[in-house]
Protein backbone atom coordinates (compact mmCIF):
# COMPACT_ATOMS: atom_id res chain seq x y z
CA MET A 1 93.74 104.12 146.48
CA ARG A 2 95.85 101.32 145.00
CA ARG A 3 92.73 99.44 143.86
CA ALA A 4 91.31 102.59 142.27
CA ALA A 5 94.62 103.35 140.57
CA SER A 6 94.76 99.84 139.13
CA ARG A 7 91.12 99.80 138.07
CA HIS A 8 91.23 103.15 136.28
CA GLY A 9 94.78 102.99 134.95
CA ILE A 10 95.86 106.19 136.70
CA PRO A 11 99.09 106.13 138.76
CA ALA A 12 98.47 106.51 142.49
CA GLU A 13 100.59 109.65 142.72
CA ALA A 14 98.38 111.36 140.12
CA TRP A 15 95.18 111.10 142.20
CA LEU A 16 93.44 113.68 144.34
CA ASP A 17 92.44 111.51 147.30
CA LEU A 18 89.42 112.93 149.13
CA SER A 19 88.26 109.57 150.43
CA THR A 20 89.77 109.50 153.91
CA GLY A 21 88.64 112.58 155.86
CA ILE A 22 92.26 113.09 156.92
CA ASN A 23 93.55 116.65 157.29
CA PRO A 24 95.50 117.27 154.05
CA GLU A 25 97.76 119.76 155.82
CA GLY A 26 98.67 117.77 158.90
CA TRP A 27 101.05 118.52 161.70
CA PRO A 28 104.58 119.07 160.29
CA VAL A 29 106.65 116.13 161.54
CA PRO A 30 110.34 116.71 162.31
CA PRO A 31 112.76 113.75 162.14
CA PRO A 32 112.68 111.66 165.35
CA PRO A 33 116.02 111.38 167.15
CA PRO A 34 118.13 108.28 166.36
CA SER A 35 117.72 107.07 169.96
CA SER A 36 113.98 106.54 169.40
CA TRP A 37 114.82 103.88 166.83
CA ARG A 38 117.46 102.07 168.88
CA ARG A 39 115.62 101.70 172.20
CA LEU A 40 112.42 99.93 173.14
CA PRO A 41 109.54 102.37 173.77
CA GLU A 42 109.57 103.73 177.31
CA GLU A 43 106.80 105.23 179.37
CA GLY A 44 107.83 108.32 181.26
CA ASP A 45 108.86 110.00 177.99
CA GLY A 46 106.21 112.70 178.43
CA LEU A 47 103.55 111.29 176.11
CA GLU A 48 100.99 110.43 178.78
CA SER A 49 101.48 113.77 180.54
CA VAL A 50 101.00 115.77 177.35
CA ALA A 51 98.03 113.62 176.32
CA SER A 52 96.41 114.14 179.74
CA THR A 53 96.55 117.89 179.21
CA TYR A 54 95.26 117.67 175.65
CA TYR A 55 92.34 115.32 176.40
CA GLY A 56 91.54 116.66 179.86
CA THR A 57 91.99 113.39 181.73
CA ASP A 58 94.84 111.36 183.21
CA SER A 59 92.80 108.15 182.94
CA LEU A 60 94.07 107.11 179.52
CA LEU A 61 96.17 104.53 177.69
CA ALA A 62 98.20 105.00 174.51
CA VAL A 63 97.44 102.39 171.85
CA ALA A 64 98.54 101.71 168.26
CA GLY A 65 95.70 103.76 166.79
CA SER A 66 92.10 103.55 167.95
CA GLN A 67 91.70 100.53 165.64
CA ALA A 68 93.77 98.47 168.10
CA ALA A 69 91.29 99.30 170.85
CA ILE A 70 88.28 98.66 168.60
CA GLN A 71 89.57 95.13 167.99
CA ALA A 72 90.51 94.43 171.62
CA LEU A 73 87.57 95.84 173.59
CA PRO A 74 85.06 93.10 172.63
CA HIS A 75 87.34 90.52 174.25
CA LEU A 76 87.32 92.27 177.63
CA ARG A 77 83.75 91.28 178.48
CA PRO A 78 81.57 88.18 178.03
CA PRO A 79 79.44 87.91 174.88
CA GLY A 80 76.34 90.05 175.05
CA ARG A 81 74.16 92.43 173.09
CA VAL A 82 75.73 95.48 171.47
CA VAL A 83 73.99 98.35 169.68
CA ILE A 84 76.03 100.46 167.25
CA THR A 85 75.12 103.64 165.39
CA ALA A 86 74.52 103.14 161.67
CA PRO A 87 75.61 104.16 159.21
CA GLY A 88 79.03 104.32 160.79
CA TYR A 89 82.60 103.05 160.80
CA ALA A 90 82.10 99.39 159.90
CA GLU A 91 85.05 98.03 161.92
CA HIS A 92 83.10 98.44 165.17
CA ALA A 93 80.43 95.95 164.15
CA ILE A 94 83.00 93.59 162.64
CA ALA A 95 85.05 93.54 165.85
CA TRP A 96 82.12 92.99 168.21
CA ARG A 97 80.73 90.18 166.06
CA ARG A 98 84.12 88.50 165.94
CA GLY A 99 84.18 88.73 169.74
CA GLY A 100 81.00 86.63 169.91
CA HIS A 101 78.56 89.46 170.62
CA ARG A 102 75.11 89.97 169.07
CA VAL A 103 75.18 93.27 167.20
CA THR A 104 72.24 95.54 166.41
CA LEU A 105 72.73 98.46 164.03
CA ALA A 106 70.49 101.44 164.69
CA PRO A 107 70.21 105.01 163.40
CA PRO A 108 71.07 107.76 165.91
CA GLU A 109 67.45 108.57 166.69
CA GLU A 110 66.77 104.94 167.69
CA ILE A 111 69.76 104.41 170.01
CA GLY A 112 68.01 105.75 173.10
CA LYS A 113 65.23 103.19 172.73
CA GLN A 114 67.81 100.39 172.53
CA ILE A 115 70.00 101.24 175.53
CA ASP A 116 68.11 99.21 178.13
CA HIS A 117 68.12 96.11 175.92
CA HIS A 118 71.89 96.00 175.37
CA GLN A 119 75.03 95.72 177.49
CA VAL A 120 77.16 97.93 175.24
CA ALA A 121 76.37 100.92 173.05
CA VAL A 122 78.93 102.14 170.51
CA ILE A 123 78.45 105.76 169.46
CA ILE A 124 80.49 107.46 166.74
CA HIS A 125 80.53 111.14 167.71
CA PRO A 126 80.54 113.10 165.52
CA ASN A 127 79.31 110.37 163.26
CA ASN A 128 81.30 109.13 160.31
CA PRO A 129 80.00 109.51 157.60
CA THR A 130 76.87 111.52 158.46
CA GLY A 131 78.40 114.18 160.71
CA HIS A 132 75.57 113.65 163.22
CA ARG A 133 76.28 115.08 166.68
CA PHE A 134 74.75 113.82 169.89
CA ASP A 135 73.79 115.98 172.85
CA PRO A 136 76.47 115.32 175.52
CA HIS A 137 73.84 115.23 178.27
CA THR A 138 71.99 112.50 176.38
CA LEU A 139 75.19 110.50 176.03
CA LEU A 140 75.89 110.80 179.75
CA SER A 141 72.38 109.67 180.62
CA TRP A 142 72.94 106.57 178.45
CA GLN A 143 76.29 106.00 180.16
CA GLU A 144 74.63 106.10 183.58
CA ARG A 145 71.94 103.63 182.56
CA LEU A 146 74.50 101.25 181.11
CA GLY A 147 76.99 101.72 183.94
CA ARG A 148 74.46 100.75 186.60
CA ARG A 149 74.19 97.33 184.89
CA GLY A 150 77.91 96.91 184.34
CA GLY A 151 77.56 97.99 180.71
CA TRP A 152 79.67 100.29 178.58
CA LEU A 153 79.10 103.34 176.48
CA VAL A 154 81.91 103.37 173.90
CA VAL A 155 82.27 106.76 172.19
CA ASP A 156 84.47 106.92 169.10
CA GLU A 157 85.68 110.52 168.86
CA ALA A 158 88.00 110.12 165.86
CA PHE A 159 86.65 113.37 164.35
CA MET A 160 86.28 115.32 167.62
CA ASP A 161 89.57 117.26 167.71
CA ALA A 162 88.25 120.22 165.73
CA THR A 163 85.43 120.67 168.29
CA PRO A 164 87.00 119.58 171.62
CA GLU A 165 84.37 121.34 173.71
CA ALA A 166 81.94 118.49 172.87
CA SER A 167 84.31 115.69 173.95
CA LEU A 168 83.47 113.29 176.76
CA ALA A 169 87.12 112.43 177.31
CA PRO A 170 87.43 114.65 180.43
CA LEU A 171 84.72 112.48 182.06
CA ALA A 172 86.47 109.21 181.29
CA GLY A 173 86.73 108.14 184.94
CA ARG A 174 82.99 107.44 185.00
CA ARG A 175 81.97 103.83 185.31
CA GLY A 176 81.44 102.22 181.92
CA LEU A 177 82.44 105.24 179.82
CA VAL A 178 85.05 104.45 177.15
CA VAL A 179 86.26 107.23 174.82
CA LEU A 180 88.44 106.50 171.79
CA ARG A 181 90.70 109.18 170.31
CA SER A 182 93.20 109.16 167.47
CA LEU A 183 95.90 111.31 165.90
CA GLY A 184 94.97 110.14 162.42
CA LYS A 185 92.34 112.64 161.25
CA PHE A 186 92.85 116.12 162.74
CA PHE A 187 96.63 115.82 163.00
CA GLY A 188 96.92 114.12 159.61
CA LEU A 189 99.09 111.42 161.16
CA ALA A 190 97.24 108.24 160.20
CA GLY A 191 100.51 106.48 159.41
CA VAL A 192 102.01 107.03 162.86
CA ARG A 193 99.37 104.70 164.41
CA VAL A 194 98.81 106.44 167.74
CA GLY A 195 95.52 106.66 169.58
CA PHE A 196 94.23 106.77 173.14
CA VAL A 197 91.60 105.00 175.17
CA CYS A 198 90.15 107.16 177.94
CA ALA A 199 88.35 105.05 180.55
CA GLU A 200 88.29 103.97 184.19
CA GLY A 201 91.45 102.43 185.61
CA GLY A 202 90.31 98.82 185.82
CA LEU A 203 89.31 98.70 182.19
CA LEU A 204 92.59 100.32 181.12
CA ARG A 205 94.59 97.75 183.09
CA ALA A 206 92.70 94.92 181.41
CA LEU A 207 93.24 96.50 178.01
CA ARG A 208 96.94 97.00 178.67
CA THR A 209 97.26 93.31 179.54
CA ARG A 210 95.39 92.33 176.39
CA LEU A 211 97.57 94.48 174.11
CA GLY A 212 100.88 93.57 175.74
CA PRO A 213 104.02 95.68 176.18
CA TRP A 214 105.38 98.29 173.75
CA ALA A 215 102.05 98.83 172.01
CA VAL A 216 103.22 102.12 170.49
CA SER A 217 106.64 102.42 168.85
CA GLY A 218 109.31 104.79 170.15
CA PRO A 219 109.36 107.10 167.10
CA ALA A 220 105.54 107.23 167.13
CA ARG A 221 105.52 108.18 170.82
CA TRP A 222 108.09 110.92 170.13
CA VAL A 223 106.03 112.38 167.26
CA ALA A 224 102.73 112.16 169.18
CA THR A 225 104.17 113.90 172.24
CA ARG A 226 105.21 116.92 170.20
CA ALA A 227 102.05 117.04 168.10
CA LEU A 228 99.80 116.98 171.17
CA ALA A 229 101.85 119.74 172.82
CA ASP A 230 101.71 122.16 169.87
CA HIS A 231 98.83 124.32 171.10
CA PRO A 232 99.33 127.19 168.60
CA TRP A 233 99.05 124.69 165.75
CA HIS A 234 95.87 123.21 167.28
CA THR A 235 94.19 126.63 167.44
CA MET A 236 95.23 127.65 163.93
CA THR A 237 94.20 124.30 162.44
CA ARG A 238 90.75 124.32 164.03
CA GLU A 239 90.06 127.73 162.50
CA HIS A 240 91.35 126.66 159.09
CA LEU A 241 89.40 123.39 159.02
CA VAL A 242 86.10 125.07 159.88
CA ALA A 243 86.62 127.64 157.11
CA ARG A 244 87.63 125.00 154.55
CA SER A 245 84.72 122.73 155.37
CA ALA A 246 82.35 125.66 154.84
CA ARG A 247 84.09 126.40 151.54
CA LEU A 248 83.65 122.80 150.43
CA GLU A 249 79.95 122.89 151.34
CA ARG A 250 79.52 126.04 149.24
CA MET A 251 81.34 124.49 146.28
CA LEU A 252 79.28 121.31 146.36
CA GLY A 253 76.05 123.23 146.85
CA ALA A 254 76.83 125.42 143.84
CA HIS A 255 76.93 122.22 141.76
CA GLY A 256 73.56 121.02 143.02
CA LEU A 257 75.03 118.80 145.73
CA PRO A 258 73.80 120.18 149.07
CA SER A 259 75.40 118.98 152.28
CA GLY A 260 73.79 115.99 153.96
CA GLY A 261 75.95 116.34 157.07
CA SER A 262 79.47 117.47 157.75
CA THR A 263 82.33 117.89 160.20
CA PRO A 264 85.29 120.27 159.81
CA LEU A 265 87.09 117.39 158.01
CA PHE A 266 84.50 116.17 155.51
CA VAL A 267 81.20 116.90 153.80
CA ARG A 268 78.62 114.23 152.97
CA VAL A 269 76.33 114.49 149.98
CA VAL A 270 73.24 112.29 149.69
CA THR A 271 72.26 111.89 146.04
CA PRO A 272 70.70 109.17 143.89
CA VAL A 273 73.58 109.58 141.40
CA ALA A 274 76.26 108.92 144.04
CA GLY A 275 77.53 105.79 142.31
CA GLU A 276 77.69 107.37 138.87
CA LEU A 277 79.32 110.53 140.21
CA HIS A 278 81.88 108.50 142.17
CA GLN A 279 82.91 106.63 139.01
CA ALA A 280 82.94 109.77 136.87
CA LEU A 281 85.23 111.48 139.37
CA CYS A 282 87.44 108.39 139.49
CA ARG A 283 87.89 108.60 135.74
CA ARG A 284 89.35 112.05 136.42
CA GLY A 285 91.66 110.83 139.17
CA ILE A 286 89.53 112.15 142.06
CA LEU A 287 88.71 109.61 144.76
CA THR A 288 85.73 110.05 147.09
CA ARG A 289 84.13 107.63 149.55
CA LEU A 290 81.00 105.94 148.22
CA PHE A 291 78.16 104.72 150.45
CA ARG A 292 75.30 102.59 149.19
CA ALA A 293 72.52 102.92 151.77
CA PRO A 294 71.54 105.65 151.40
CA ALA A 295 73.43 106.50 148.23
CA ALA A 296 75.95 109.13 149.28
CA LEU A 297 79.46 110.44 148.77
CA ARG A 298 81.83 111.72 151.44
CA PHE A 299 84.24 114.42 150.30
CA GLY A 300 87.36 115.13 152.33
CA LEU A 301 89.07 118.50 152.15
CA PRO A 302 91.39 119.46 149.30
CA GLY A 303 94.70 120.96 150.42
CA ARG A 304 96.48 123.25 147.99
CA GLU A 305 94.63 125.78 145.84
CA SER A 306 95.44 123.67 142.78
CA GLU A 307 93.53 120.81 144.38
CA TRP A 308 90.48 123.00 144.99
CA SER A 309 90.56 124.05 141.34
CA ARG A 310 90.95 120.45 140.23
CA LEU A 311 87.94 119.37 142.28
CA GLU A 312 85.79 122.16 140.86
CA ARG A 313 86.72 121.27 137.29
CA GLY A 314 86.22 117.59 138.01
CA LEU A 315 82.74 118.19 139.43
CA GLU A 316 81.71 120.26 136.43
CA GLU A 317 82.93 117.65 133.95
CA ALA A 318 81.61 114.66 135.89
CA LEU A 319 78.14 116.13 136.34
CA GLU A 320 77.94 117.10 132.66
CA GLU A 321 78.83 113.51 131.82
CA ILE A 322 76.24 111.77 134.01
CA VAL A 323 73.35 114.26 134.18
CA PRO A 324 71.46 114.65 130.87
């Protein structure tokens, strides 16, 4: 956002930021109590208990966002071969390469053919940015094949909260199954830096040792505990996100930009004019996420009605500018 604001000469506060896939109407955060700032973070504050209920497993570890786990996991096993879904969140490949592993990028339909030739498979489910969903039974069959050889199936479920019935987190005690969750997207709490790793006990103990004590701050633990316990808000938000994602698909389709994959938090559009459209929208203070191969844009959800209207006007003007 800051780079875009500087490049286009538009103040950051004047932008409509649709680039992140973060819920624009996140969980309403009350002020943490003063004690959470004065004391070191303490387990036994209710976070793990509430998280166990929310994710359906007590085999979990709180971390400073799933990014902390993404960076640490490659160092918990010797260098080997890792296959990662592509396109996908690029930090996975970066982290495994930095850990000394040989990384293969493969589209979802090719992963199954690669499982027996790798020690680790990293699956982004649902995929970011394509929205691709894997059959849970297929994922579990891959986990079994990897687990028998001491391998891991790492499933990044950053965008799973709106469709929890498809989550593998409740099965996290299985050998070699590692599920990553985060409060950043669905809850709209990216800045709080809280995530969870759901996995077997031995792996969690090794990860805890790697990350060290007090991995999650006291105020962040306080906020996460209450957000995860707010079941009425979860239900309401899931309904709202599904409806708004469908609305966004209709809007984009009406402008000749059919969906090329979606989740309740974003819609992807594959178009040869992705680069031109991205820049034209930027000139109007609307930021999307641009992908080069294939050329595509990812649109997050607008929040207020004024933002929906602004996006519609921006699309009309931008397309008139770039399409003869």
